[in-house]
PDB file of N, CA and C in Angstrom:
ATOM      1  N   MET A   1     116.618 110.087  54.091  1.00  0.00           N
ATOM      2  CA  MET A   1     116.028 110.854  53.018  1.00  0.00           C
ATOM      3  C   MET A   1     114.675 110.254  52.661  1.00  0.00           C
ATOM      4  N   SER A   2     113.729 111.099  52.383  1.00  0.00           N
ATOM      5  CA  SER A   2     112.447 110.626  51.879  1.00  0.00           C
ATOM      6  C   SER A   2     112.184 111.298  50.539  1.00  0.00           C
ATOM      7  N   ALA A   3     111.405 110.615  49.728  1.00  0.00           N
ATOM      8  CA  ALA A   3     111.120 111.134  48.399  1.00  0.00           C
ATOM      9  C   ALA A   3     109.727 110.709  47.962  1.00  0.00           C
ATOM     10  N   ILE A   4     109.129 111.539  47.136  1.00  0.00           N
ATOM     11  CA  ILE A   4     107.875 111.218  46.470  1.00  0.00           C
ATOM     12  C   ILE A   4     108.184 111.258  44.983  1.00  0.00           C
ATOM     13  N   PHE A   5     107.783 110.211  44.281  1.00  0.00           N
ATOM     14  CA  PHE A   5     108.052 110.123  42.853  1.00  0.00           C
ATOM     15  C   PHE A   5     106.759 110.354  42.086  1.00  0.00           C
ATOM     16  N   CYS A   6     106.807 111.251  41.118  1.00  0.00           N
ATOM     17  CA  CYS A   6     105.612 111.660  40.375  1.00  0.00           C
ATOM     18  C   CYS A   6     105.743 111.310  38.900  1.00  0.00           C
ATOM     19  N   HIS A   7     104.598 110.991  38.307  1.00  0.00           N
ATOM     20  CA  HIS A   7     104.561 110.668  36.885  1.00  0.00           C
ATOM     21  C   HIS A   7     104.192 111.860  36.014  1.00  0.00           C
ATOM     22  N   ASP A   8     103.577 112.884  36.598  1.00  0.00           N
ATOM     23  CA  ASP A   8     103.152 114.030  35.789  1.00  0.00           C
ATOM     24  C   ASP A   8     103.008 115.269  36.669  1.00  0.00           C
ATOM     25  N   ALA A   9     102.681 116.387  36.039  1.00  0.00           N
ATOM     26  CA  ALA A   9     102.582 117.667  36.752  1.00  0.00           C
ATOM     27  C   ALA A   9     101.474 117.646  37.799  1.00  0.00           C
ATOM     28  N   GLY A  10     100.376 116.963  37.522  1.00  0.00           N
ATOM     29  CA  GLY A  10      99.281 116.885  38.487  1.00  0.00           C
ATOM     30  C   GLY A  10      99.714 116.164  39.757  1.00  0.00           C
ATOM     31  N   GLN A  11     100.424 115.066  39.603  1.00  0.00           N
ATOM     32  CA  GLN A  11     100.928 114.349  40.775  1.00  0.00           C
ATOM     33  C   GLN A  11     101.938 115.209  41.531  1.00  0.00           C
ATOM     34  N   ARG A  12     102.742 115.955  40.782  1.00  0.00           N
ATOM     35  CA  ARG A  12     103.722 116.819  41.439  1.00  0.00           C
ATOM     36  C   ARG A  12     103.026 117.877  42.293  1.00  0.00           C
ATOM     37  N   ARG A  13     101.967 118.493  41.758  1.00  0.00           N
ATOM     38  CA  ARG A  13     101.218 119.499  42.526  1.00  0.00           C
ATOM     39  C   ARG A  13     100.627 118.882  43.788  1.00  0.00           C
ATOM     40  N   LEU A  14     100.058 117.693  43.670  1.00  0.00           N
ATOM     41  CA  LEU A  14      99.495 117.013  44.846  1.00  0.00           C
ATOM     42  C   LEU A  14     100.587 116.683  45.877  1.00  0.00           C
ATOM     43  N   ALA A  15     101.728 116.230  45.405  1.00  0.00           N
ATOM     44  CA  ALA A  15     102.835 115.904  46.304  1.00  0.00           C
ATOM     45  C   ALA A  15     103.326 117.152  47.030  1.00  0.00           C
ATOM     46  N   GLU A  16     103.459 118.241  46.306  1.00  0.00           N
ATOM     47  CA  GLU A  16     103.894 119.498  46.935  1.00  0.00           C
ATOM     48  C   GLU A  16     102.881 119.964  47.973  1.00  0.00           C
ATOM     49  N   ALA A  17     101.608 119.862  47.637  1.00  0.00           N
ATOM     50  CA  ALA A  17     100.558 120.278  48.571  1.00  0.00           C
ATOM     51  C   ALA A  17     100.597 119.419  49.834  1.00  0.00           C
ATOM     52  N   SER A  18     100.787 118.117  49.671  1.00  0.00           N
ATOM     53  CA  SER A  18     100.858 117.216  50.817  1.00  0.00           C
ATOM     54  C   SER A  18     102.075 117.523  51.682  1.00  0.00           C
ATOM     55  N   ARG A  19     103.210 117.705  51.046  1.00  0.00           N
ATOM     56  CA  ARG A  19     104.437 118.027  51.779  1.00  0.00           C
ATOM     57  C   ARG A  19     104.266 119.331  52.546  1.00  0.00           C
ATOM     58  N   ASP A  20     103.710 120.341  51.889  1.00  0.00           N
ATOM     59  CA  ASP A  20     103.549 121.653  52.515  1.00  0.00           C
ATOM     60  C   ASP A  20     102.534 121.616  53.653  1.00  0.00           C
ATOM     61  N   ALA A  21     101.481 120.819  53.506  1.00  0.00           N
ATOM     62  CA  ALA A  21     100.493 120.680  54.581  1.00  0.00           C
ATOM     63  C   ALA A  21     101.140 120.009  55.794  1.00  0.00           C
ATOM     64  N   GLY A  22     101.980 119.026  55.560  1.00  0.00           N
ATOM     65  CA  GLY A  22     102.692 118.378  56.663  1.00  0.00           C
ATOM     66  C   GLY A  22     103.607 119.349  57.387  1.00  0.00           C
ATOM     67  N   ALA A  23     104.252 120.210  56.639  1.00  0.00           N
ATOM     68  CA  ALA A  23     105.125 121.219  57.245  1.00  0.00           C
ATOM     69  C   ALA A  23     104.306 122.190  58.097  1.00  0.00           C
ATOM     70  N   ARG A  24     103.140 122.588  57.616  1.00  0.00           N
ATOM     71  CA  ARG A  24     102.289 123.498  58.390  1.00  0.00           C
ATOM     72  C   ARG A  24     101.810 122.834  59.684  1.00  0.00           C
ATOM     73  N   ARG A  25     101.392 121.564  59.586  1.00  0.00           N
ATOM     74  CA  ARG A  25     100.910 120.845  60.776  1.00  0.00           C
ATOM     75  C   ARG A  25     102.005 120.681  61.827  1.00  0.00           C
ATOM     76  N   SER A  26     103.194 120.391  61.377  1.00  0.00           N
ATOM     77  CA  SER A  26     104.291 120.118  62.313  1.00  0.00           C
ATOM     78  C   SER A  26     105.075 121.377  62.688  1.00  0.00           C
ATOM     79  N   HIS A  27     104.802 122.473  61.992  1.00  0.00           N
ATOM     80  CA  HIS A  27     105.535 123.727  62.227  1.00  0.00           C
ATOM     81  C   HIS A  27     107.033 123.540  62.024  1.00  0.00           C
ATOM     82  N   ARG A  28     107.369 122.656  61.079  1.00  0.00           N
ATOM     83  CA  ARG A  28     108.767 122.379  60.758  1.00  0.00           C
ATOM     84  C   ARG A  28     108.890 122.175  59.260  1.00  0.00           C
ATOM     85  N   GLU A  29     110.055 122.463  58.755  1.00  0.00           N
ATOM     86  CA  GLU A  29     110.297 122.218  57.342  1.00  0.00           C
ATOM     87  C   GLU A  29     110.332 120.711  57.091  1.00  0.00           C
ATOM     88  N   VAL A  30     109.732 120.283  55.990  1.00  0.00           N
ATOM     89  CA  VAL A  30     109.744 118.877  55.611  1.00  0.00           C
ATOM     90  C   VAL A  30     110.751 118.711  54.484  1.00  0.00           C
ATOM     91  N   PHE A  31     111.685 117.824  54.674  1.00  0.00           N
ATOM     92  CA  PHE A  31     112.757 117.623  53.704  1.00  0.00           C
ATOM     93  C   PHE A  31     112.471 116.401  52.827  1.00  0.00           C
ATOM     94  N   THR A  32     111.357 116.428  52.135  1.00  0.00           N
ATOM     95  CA  THR A  32     110.983 115.355  51.234  1.00  0.00           C
ATOM     96  C   THR A  32     111.204 115.833  49.807  1.00  0.00           C
ATOM     97  N   GLU A  33     112.054 115.133  49.100  1.00  0.00           N
ATOM     98  CA  GLU A  33     112.294 115.498  47.705  1.00  0.00           C
ATOM     99  C   GLU A  33     111.118 115.035  46.854  1.00  0.00           C
ATOM    100  N   ILE A  34     110.795 115.815  45.858  1.00  0.00           N
ATOM    101  CA  ILE A  34     109.765 115.442  44.896  1.00  0.00           C
ATOM    102  C   ILE A  34     110.474 115.302  43.557  1.00  0.00           C
ATOM    103  N   LEU A  35     110.471 114.067  43.061  1.00  0.00           N
ATOM    104  CA  LEU A  35     111.284 113.726  41.898  1.00  0.00           C
ATOM    105  C   LEU A  35     110.435 113.068  40.822  1.00  0.00           C
ATOM    106  N   PRO A  36     110.885 113.141  39.579  1.00  0.00           N
ATOM    107  CA  PRO A  36     110.154 112.422  38.525  1.00  0.00           C
ATOM    108  C   PRO A  36     110.310 110.911  38.701  1.00  0.00           C
ATOM    109  N   ALA A  37     109.217 110.204  38.472  1.00  0.00           N
ATOM    110  CA  ALA A  37     109.269 108.742  38.546  1.00  0.00           C
ATOM    111  C   ALA A  37     110.073 108.221  37.370  1.00  0.00           C
ATOM    112  N   ASP A  38     110.834 107.210  37.626  1.00  0.00           N
ATOM    113  CA  ASP A  38     111.662 106.592  36.602  1.00  0.00           C
ATOM    114  C   ASP A  38     111.379 105.098  36.656  1.00  0.00           C
ATOM    115  N   ALA A  39     112.256 104.324  36.153  1.00  0.00           N
ATOM    116  CA  ALA A  39     112.085 102.871  36.178  1.00  0.00           C
ATOM    117  C   ALA A  39     111.965 102.401  37.623  1.00  0.00           C
ATOM    118  N   PHE A  40     111.192 101.361  37.843  1.00  0.00           N
ATOM    119  CA  PHE A  40     110.976 100.823  39.177  1.00  0.00           C
ATOM    120  C   PHE A  40     111.320  99.345  39.183  1.00  0.00           C
ATOM    121  N   TRP A  41     112.055  98.931  40.188  1.00  0.00           N
ATOM    122  CA  TRP A  41     112.387  97.528  40.348  1.00  0.00           C
ATOM    123  C   TRP A  41     111.976  97.089  41.737  1.00  0.00           C
ATOM    124  N   LEU A  42     111.358  95.930  41.811  1.00  0.00           N
ATOM    125  CA  LEU A  42     111.058  95.349  43.113  1.00  0.00           C
ATOM    126  C   LEU A  42     112.358  94.958  43.801  1.00  0.00           C
ATOM    127  N   ALA A  43     112.361  95.038  45.110  1.00  0.00           N
ATOM    128  CA  ALA A  43     113.499  94.542  45.874  1.00  0.00           C
ATOM    129  C   ALA A  43     113.572  93.029  45.698  1.00  0.00           C
ATOM    130  N   GLU A  44     114.718  92.474  45.992  1.00  0.00           N
ATOM    131  CA  GLU A  44     114.879  91.031  45.910  1.00  0.00           C
ATOM    132  C   GLU A  44     113.850  90.356  46.807  1.00  0.00           C
ATOM    133  N   ASP A  45     113.476  89.133  46.467  1.00  0.00           N
ATOM    134  CA  ASP A  45     112.442  88.419  47.203  1.00  0.00           C
ATOM    135  C   ASP A  45     112.693  88.399  48.706  1.00  0.00           C
ATOM    136  N   TYR A  46     113.946  88.193  49.111  1.00  0.00           N
ATOM    137  CA  TYR A  46     114.237  88.063  50.538  1.00  0.00           C
ATOM    138  C   TYR A  46     114.080  89.377  51.296  1.00  0.00           C
ATOM    139  N   HIS A  47     113.900  90.491  50.584  1.00  0.00           N
ATOM    140  CA  HIS A  47     113.637  91.784  51.229  1.00  0.00           C
ATOM    141  C   HIS A  47     112.142  92.076  51.344  1.00  0.00           C
ATOM    142  N   GLN A  48     111.315  91.276  50.730  1.00  0.00           N
ATOM    143  CA  GLN A  48     109.875  91.528  50.710  1.00  0.00           C
ATOM    144  C   GLN A  48     109.213  91.059  52.004  1.00  0.00           C
ATOM    145  N   LYS A  49     108.216  91.808  52.451  1.00  0.00           N
ATOM    146  CA  LYS A  49     107.372  91.412  53.598  1.00  0.00           C
ATOM    147  C   LYS A  49     108.217  91.123  54.838  1.00  0.00           C
ATOM    148  N   HIS A  50     109.044  92.087  55.196  1.00  0.00           N
ATOM    149  CA  HIS A  50     110.023  91.918  56.269  1.00  0.00           C
ATOM    150  C   HIS A  50     109.391  91.520  57.601  1.00  0.00           C
ATOM    151  N   MET A  51     108.344  92.216  58.022  1.00  0.00           N
ATOM    152  CA  MET A  51     107.740  91.905  59.317  1.00  0.00           C
ATOM    153  C   MET A  51     107.126  90.504  59.312  1.00  0.00           C
ATOM    154  N   LEU A  52     106.495  90.154  58.234  1.00  0.00           N
ATOM    155  CA  LEU A  52     105.889  88.835  58.114  1.00  0.00           C
ATOM    156  C   LEU A  52     106.945  87.737  58.167  1.00  0.00           C
ATOM    157  N   ARG A  53     108.079  87.958  57.541  1.00  0.00           N
ATOM    158  CA  ARG A  53     109.146  86.950  57.517  1.00  0.00           C
ATOM    159  C   ARG A  53     109.696  86.659  58.924  1.00  0.00           C
ATOM    160  N   ARG A  54     109.450  87.567  59.859  1.00  0.00           N
ATOM    161  CA  ARG A  54     109.933  87.376  61.229  1.00  0.00           C
ATOM    162  C   ARG A  54     109.055  86.411  62.026  1.00  0.00           C
ATOM    163  N   SER A  55     107.916  86.018  61.486  1.00  0.00           N
ATOM    164  CA  SER A  55     107.018  85.098  62.184  1.00  0.00           C
ATOM    165  C   SER A  55     107.007  83.750  61.464  1.00  0.00           C
ATOM    166  N   ALA A  56     107.688  82.783  62.049  1.00  0.00           N
ATOM    167  CA  ALA A  56     107.776  81.455  61.421  1.00  0.00           C
ATOM    168  C   ALA A  56     106.392  80.831  61.248  1.00  0.00           C
ATOM    169  N   GLU A  57     105.524  81.019  62.240  1.00  0.00           N
ATOM    170  CA  GLU A  57     104.194  80.414  62.171  1.00  0.00           C
ATOM    171  C   GLU A  57     103.375  80.997  61.016  1.00  0.00           C
ATOM    172  N   LEU A  58     103.379  82.301  60.892  1.00  0.00           N
ATOM    173  CA  LEU A  58     102.627  82.921  59.800  1.00  0.00           C
ATOM    174  C   LEU A  58     103.261  82.603  58.451  1.00  0.00           C
ATOM    175  N   MET A  59     104.583  82.591  58.405  1.00  0.00           N
ATOM    176  CA  MET A  59     105.260  82.266  57.150  1.00  0.00           C
ATOM    177  C   MET A  59     104.948  80.841  56.704  1.00  0.00           C
ATOM    178  N   ALA A  60     104.772  79.929  57.638  1.00  0.00           N
ATOM    179  CA  ALA A  60     104.429  78.552  57.262  1.00  0.00           C
ATOM    180  C   ALA A  60     103.105  78.529  56.524  1.00  0.00           C
ATOM    181  N   ASP A  61     102.128  79.313  56.974  1.00  0.00           N
ATOM    182  CA  ASP A  61     100.847  79.386  56.271  1.00  0.00           C
ATOM    183  C   ASP A  61     101.027  79.957  54.868  1.00  0.00           C
ATOM    184  N   PHE A  62     101.772  81.042  54.764  1.00  0.00           N
ATOM    185  CA  PHE A  62     101.947  81.660  53.448  1.00  0.00           C
ATOM    186  C   PHE A  62     102.793  80.800  52.519  1.00  0.00           C
ATOM    187  N   ALA A  63     103.754  80.081  53.058  1.00  0.00           N
ATOM    188  CA  ALA A  63     104.556  79.176  52.218  1.00  0.00           C
ATOM    189  C   ALA A  63     103.682  78.071  51.638  1.00  0.00           C
ATOM    190  N   ALA A  64     102.697  77.612  52.419  1.00  0.00           N
ATOM    191  CA  ALA A  64     101.783  76.586  51.911  1.00  0.00           C
ATOM    192  C   ALA A  64     100.882  77.162  50.818  1.00  0.00           C
ATOM    193  N   MET A  65     100.468  78.415  50.987  1.00  0.00           N
ATOM    194  CA  MET A  65      99.605  79.057  49.981  1.00  0.00           C
ATOM    195  C   MET A  65     100.373  79.439  48.724  1.00  0.00           C
ATOM    196  N   TYR A  66     101.623  79.864  48.907  1.00  0.00           N
ATOM    197  CA  TYR A  66     102.435  80.376  47.800  1.00  0.00           C
ATOM    198  C   TYR A  66     103.784  79.666  47.796  1.00  0.00           C
ATOM    199  N   PRO A  67     103.869  78.502  47.199  1.00  0.00           N
ATOM    200  CA  PRO A  67     105.134  77.764  47.213  1.00  0.00           C
ATOM    201  C   PRO A  67     106.252  78.449  46.426  1.00  0.00           C
ATOM    202  N   ASP A  68     105.888  79.351  45.504  1.00  0.00           N
ATOM    203  CA  ASP A  68     106.945  80.074  44.779  1.00  0.00           C
ATOM    204  C   ASP A  68     107.017  81.507  45.308  1.00  0.00           C
ATOM    205  N   ALA A  69     108.206  82.064  45.329  1.00  0.00           N
ATOM    206  CA  ALA A  69     108.435  83.397  45.891  1.00  0.00           C
ATOM    207  C   ALA A  69     107.627  84.476  45.173  1.00  0.00           C
ATOM    208  N   GLY A  70     107.441  84.333  43.877  1.00  0.00           N
ATOM    209  CA  GLY A  70     106.699  85.345  43.124  1.00  0.00           C
ATOM    210  C   GLY A  70     105.264  85.482  43.588  1.00  0.00           C
ATOM    211  N   GLY A  71     104.620  84.386  43.878  1.00  0.00           N
ATOM    212  CA  GLY A  71     103.256  84.435  44.378  1.00  0.00           C
ATOM    213  C   GLY A  71     103.180  85.095  45.736  1.00  0.00           C
ATOM    214  N   PHE A  72     104.134  84.788  46.592  1.00  0.00           N
ATOM    215  CA  PHE A  72     104.190  85.397  47.915  1.00  0.00           C
ATOM    216  C   PHE A  72     104.399  86.908  47.811  1.00  0.00           C
ATOM    217  N   VAL A  73     105.351  87.327  46.997  1.00  0.00           N
ATOM    218  CA  VAL A  73     105.650  88.752  46.837  1.00  0.00           C
ATOM    219  C   VAL A  73     104.441  89.496  46.299  1.00  0.00           C
ATOM    220  N   ALA A  74     103.695  88.897  45.391  1.00  0.00           N
ATOM    221  CA  ALA A  74     102.539  89.559  44.773  1.00  0.00           C
ATOM    222  C   ALA A  74     101.275  89.463  45.625  1.00  0.00           C
ATOM    223  N   SER A  75     101.290  88.713  46.695  1.00  0.00           N
ATOM    224  CA  SER A  75     100.092  88.468  47.490  1.00  0.00           C
ATOM    225  C   SER A  75      99.620  89.703  48.246  1.00  0.00           C
ATOM    226  N   THR A  76      98.378  90.087  47.995  1.00  0.00           N
ATOM    227  CA  THR A  76      97.777  91.185  48.743  1.00  0.00           C
ATOM    228  C   THR A  76      97.588  90.787  50.197  1.00  0.00           C
ATOM    229  N   ALA A  77      97.179  89.554  50.440  1.00  0.00           N
ATOM    230  CA  ALA A  77      96.995  89.089  51.819  1.00  0.00           C
ATOM    231  C   ALA A  77      98.302  89.172  52.597  1.00  0.00           C
ATOM    232  N   ALA A  78      99.397  88.737  52.003  1.00  0.00           N
ATOM    233  CA  ALA A  78     100.698  88.812  52.676  1.00  0.00           C
ATOM    234  C   ALA A  78     101.084  90.266  52.945  1.00  0.00           C
ATOM    235  N   ALA A  79     100.793  91.153  52.003  1.00  0.00           N
ATOM    236  CA  ALA A  79     101.094  92.574  52.198  1.00  0.00           C
ATOM    237  C   ALA A  79     100.267  93.144  53.342  1.00  0.00           C
ATOM    238  N   ARG A  80      98.989  92.780  53.415  1.00  0.00           N
ATOM    239  CA  ARG A  80      98.119  93.277  54.485  1.00  0.00           C
ATOM    240  C   ARG A  80      98.601  92.761  55.844  1.00  0.00           C
ATOM    241  N   VAL A  81      98.907  91.469  55.926  1.00  0.00           N
ATOM    242  CA  VAL A  81      99.387  90.893  57.188  1.00  0.00           C
ATOM    243  C   VAL A  81     100.702  91.556  57.586  1.00  0.00           C
ATOM    244  N   ASN A  82     101.593  91.751  56.645  1.00  0.00           N
ATOM    245  CA  ASN A  82     102.860  92.427  56.915  1.00  0.00           C
ATOM    246  C   ASN A  82     102.609  93.816  57.497  1.00  0.00           C
ATOM    247  N   GLY A  83     101.647  94.532  56.945  1.00  0.00           N
ATOM    248  CA  GLY A  83     101.313  95.862  57.460  1.00  0.00           C
ATOM    249  C   GLY A  83     100.795  95.807  58.884  1.00  0.00           C
ATOM    250  N   TYR A  84      99.896  94.884  59.169  1.00  0.00           N
ATOM    251  CA  TYR A  84      99.399  94.751  60.543  1.00  0.00           C
ATOM    252  C   TYR A  84     100.539  94.445  61.505  1.00  0.00           C
ATOM    253  N   LEU A  85     101.431  93.545  61.120  1.00  0.00           N
ATOM    254  CA  LEU A  85     102.566  93.206  61.975  1.00  0.00           C
ATOM    255  C   LEU A  85     103.491  94.398  62.181  1.00  0.00           C
ATOM    256  N   GLY A  86     103.528  95.280  61.197  1.00  0.00           N
ATOM    257  CA  GLY A  86     104.363  96.470  61.293  1.00  0.00           C
ATOM    258  C   GLY A  86     103.716  97.620  62.047  1.00  0.00           C
ATOM    259  N   GLY A  87     102.510  97.406  62.542  1.00  0.00           N
ATOM    260  CA  GLY A  87     101.870  98.451  63.334  1.00  0.00           C
ATOM    261  C   GLY A  87     100.838  99.277  62.602  1.00  0.00           C
ATOM    262  N   TRP A  88     100.512  98.907  61.386  1.00  0.00           N
ATOM    263  CA  TRP A  88      99.543  99.649  60.591  1.00  0.00           C
ATOM    264  C   TRP A  88      98.207  98.923  60.615  1.00  0.00           C
ATOM    265  N   GLY A  89      97.242  99.500  61.259  1.00  0.00           N
ATOM    266  CA  GLY A  89      95.913  98.903  61.308  1.00  0.00           C
ATOM    267  C   GLY A  89      95.502  98.569  62.724  1.00  0.00           C
ATOM    268  N   THR A  90      94.228  98.613  62.959  1.00  0.00           N
ATOM    269  CA  THR A  90      93.663  98.362  64.281  1.00  0.00           C
ATOM    270  C   THR A  90      93.127  96.934  64.380  1.00  0.00           C
ATOM    271  N   ALA A  91      92.848  96.536  65.604  1.00  0.00           N
ATOM    272  CA  ALA A  91      92.245  95.222  65.824  1.00  0.00           C
ATOM    273  C   ALA A  91      90.882  95.138  65.151  1.00  0.00           C
ATOM    274  N   ALA A  92      90.130  96.233  65.172  1.00  0.00           N
ATOM    275  CA  ALA A  92      88.813  96.254  64.530  1.00  0.00           C
ATOM    276  C   ALA A  92      88.944  96.088  63.017  1.00  0.00           C
ATOM    277  N   ALA A  93      89.906  96.765  62.420  1.00  0.00           N
ATOM    278  CA  ALA A  93      90.112  96.641  60.973  1.00  0.00           C
ATOM    279  C   ALA A  93      90.541  95.218  60.621  1.00  0.00           C
ATOM    280  N   LEU A  94      91.411  94.647  61.444  1.00  0.00           N
ATOM    281  CA  LEU A  94      91.851  93.266  61.205  1.00  0.00           C
ATOM    282  C   LEU A  94      90.674  92.308  61.286  1.00  0.00           C
ATOM    283  N   ALA A  95      89.838  92.476  62.295  1.00  0.00           N
ATOM    284  CA  ALA A  95      88.675  91.596  62.453  1.00  0.00           C
ATOM    285  C   ALA A  95      87.771  91.638  61.227  1.00  0.00           C
ATOM    286  N   ALA A  96      87.683  92.796  60.598  1.00  0.00           N
ATOM    287  CA  ALA A  96      86.816  92.955  59.434  1.00  0.00           C
ATOM    288  C   ALA A  96      87.351  92.252  58.192  1.00  0.00           C
ATOM    289  N   GLU A  97      88.659  91.993  58.137  1.00  0.00           N
ATOM    290  CA  GLU A  97      89.208  91.408  56.911  1.00  0.00           C
ATOM    291  C   GLU A  97      90.006  90.133  57.091  1.00  0.00           C
ATOM    292  N   ILE A  98      90.219  89.691  58.299  1.00  0.00           N
ATOM    293  CA  ILE A  98      91.099  88.538  58.532  1.00  0.00           C
ATOM    294  C   ILE A  98      90.597  87.278  57.843  1.00  0.00           C
ATOM    295  N   GLU A  99      89.302  87.125  57.708  1.00  0.00           N
ATOM    296  CA  GLU A  99      88.741  85.930  57.064  1.00  0.00           C
ATOM    297  C   GLU A  99      89.271  85.770  55.636  1.00  0.00           C
ATOM    298  N   GLY A 100      89.528  86.864  54.956  1.00  0.00           N
ATOM    299  CA  GLY A 100      89.986  86.824  53.569  1.00  0.00           C
ATOM    300  C   GLY A 100      91.459  86.522  53.388  1.00  0.00           C
ATOM    301  N   PHE A 101      92.204  86.388  54.471  1.00  0.00           N
ATOM    302  CA  PHE A 101      93.640  86.162  54.353  1.00  0.00           C
ATOM    303  C   PHE A 101      93.992  84.694  54.111  1.00  0.00           C
ATOM    304  N   GLY A 102      93.075  83.785  54.358  1.00  0.00           N
ATOM    305  CA  GLY A 102      93.333  82.368  54.133  1.00  0.00           C
ATOM    306  C   GLY A 102      94.221  81.716  55.174  1.00  0.00           C
ATOM    307  N   LEU A 103      94.287  82.275  56.357  1.00  0.00           N
ATOM    308  CA  LEU A 103      95.159  81.761  57.407  1.00  0.00           C
ATOM    309  C   LEU A 103      94.500  80.629  58.190  1.00  0.00           C
ATOM    310  N   SER A 104      95.327  79.773  58.741  1.00  0.00           N
ATOM    311  CA  SER A 104      94.849  78.726  59.645  1.00  0.00           C
ATOM    312  C   SER A 104      94.375  79.389  60.940  1.00  0.00           C
ATOM    313  N   GLU A 105      93.630  78.644  61.736  1.00  0.00           N
ATOM    314  CA  GLU A 105      93.156  79.181  63.021  1.00  0.00           C
ATOM    315  C   GLU A 105      94.333  79.589  63.903  1.00  0.00           C
ATOM    316  N   LYS A 106      95.369  78.764  63.923  1.00  0.00           N
ATOM    317  CA  LYS A 106      96.555  79.075  64.744  1.00  0.00           C
ATOM    318  C   LYS A 106      97.194  80.386  64.273  1.00  0.00           C
ATOM    319  N   ALA A 107      97.370  80.549  62.981  1.00  0.00           N
ATOM    320  CA  ALA A 107      97.983  81.760  62.454  1.00  0.00           C
ATOM    321  C   ALA A 107      97.094  82.979  62.715  1.00  0.00           C
ATOM    322  N   ARG A 108      95.795  82.805  62.597  1.00  0.00           N
ATOM    323  CA  ARG A 108      94.865  83.907  62.884  1.00  0.00           C
ATOM    324  C   ARG A 108      95.017  84.371  64.323  1.00  0.00           C
ATOM    325  N   ARG A 109      95.082  83.427  65.255  1.00  0.00           N
ATOM    326  CA  ARG A 109      95.232  83.790  66.670  1.00  0.00           C
ATOM    327  C   ARG A 109      96.545  84.537  66.903  1.00  0.00           C
ATOM    328  N   ILE A 110      97.606  84.071  66.262  1.00  0.00           N
ATOM    329  CA  ILE A 110      98.921  84.732  66.412  1.00  0.00           C
ATOM    330  C   ILE A 110      98.829  86.170  65.912  1.00  0.00           C
ATOM    331  N   LEU A 111      98.243  86.364  64.764  1.00  0.00           N
ATOM    332  CA  LEU A 111      98.118  87.707  64.191  1.00  0.00           C
ATOM    333  C   LEU A 111      97.222  88.590  65.061  1.00  0.00           C
ATOM    334  N   GLU A 112      96.105  88.058  65.490  1.00  0.00           N
ATOM    335  CA  GLU A 112      95.186  88.835  66.340  1.00  0.00           C
ATOM    336  C   GLU A 112      95.859  89.248  67.648  1.00  0.00           C
ATOM    337  N   ARG A 113      96.609  88.341  68.266  1.00  0.00           N
ATOM    338  CA  ARG A 113      97.334  88.681  69.514  1.00  0.00           C
ATOM    339  C   ARG A 113      98.374  89.760  69.261  1.00  0.00           C
ATOM    340  N   SER A 114      99.064  89.649  68.146  1.00  0.00           N
ATOM    341  CA  SER A 114     100.096  90.624  67.817  1.00  0.00           C
ATOM    342  C   SER A 114      99.509  92.028  67.665  1.00  0.00           C
ATOM    343  N   VAL A 115      98.391  92.107  66.993  1.00  0.00           N
ATOM    344  CA  VAL A 115      97.757  93.416  66.772  1.00  0.00           C
ATOM    345  C   VAL A 115      97.131  93.932  68.072  1.00  0.00           C
ATOM    346  N   ALA A 116      96.562  93.048  68.883  1.00  0.00           N
ATOM    347  CA  ALA A 116      95.920  93.462  70.133  1.00  0.00           C
ATOM    348  C   ALA A 116      96.940  93.999  71.145  1.00  0.00           C
ATOM    349  N   ARG A 117      98.178  93.536  71.070  1.00  0.00           N
ATOM    350  CA  ARG A 117      99.227  93.982  72.014  1.00  0.00           C
ATOM    351  C   ARG A 117      99.573  95.455  71.873  1.00  0.00           C
ATOM    352  N   ARG A 118      99.278  96.024  70.734  1.00  0.00           N
ATOM    353  CA  ARG A 118      99.656  97.424  70.523  1.00  0.00           C
ATOM    354  C   ARG A 118      98.669  98.358  71.141  1.00  0.00           C
TER     355      ARG A 118
END
C-alpha cells in the first residue's frame, strides 16, 4: 500500500493531481491513498538509514561524527549518503556534494565506487 498524507486542501489537490498524472503516464490505475496527515513518529533508531547501516566502513565514519543516535538520525549528510547507497543520485551529483559529507578519504572512495557501479 502507498499513501500520501496531506495537511490541507491545497496539498490534497496537488496529491490528487500527481497521482492522476502518474496514472495517465503509466496507463494504469494508481492505488495510492490520499489521507489526512496525523501525528508522526520517527521509526526507532535501528530502523533509520538502512542502506547506510549495511556499510561498516561508512558507519564507522558516521559513528565518529555522531556518537549519539539522535545526531545520526537527524544528520542530513547521513540521509544523503543513505540515498546514494539506495540508488538515488548519480555519480555527477555525488561528486558535486561529497565534500560536504565530512567523510574520510577511505569512506569517500567506498561511496564513490558504490555509486559508480550502478
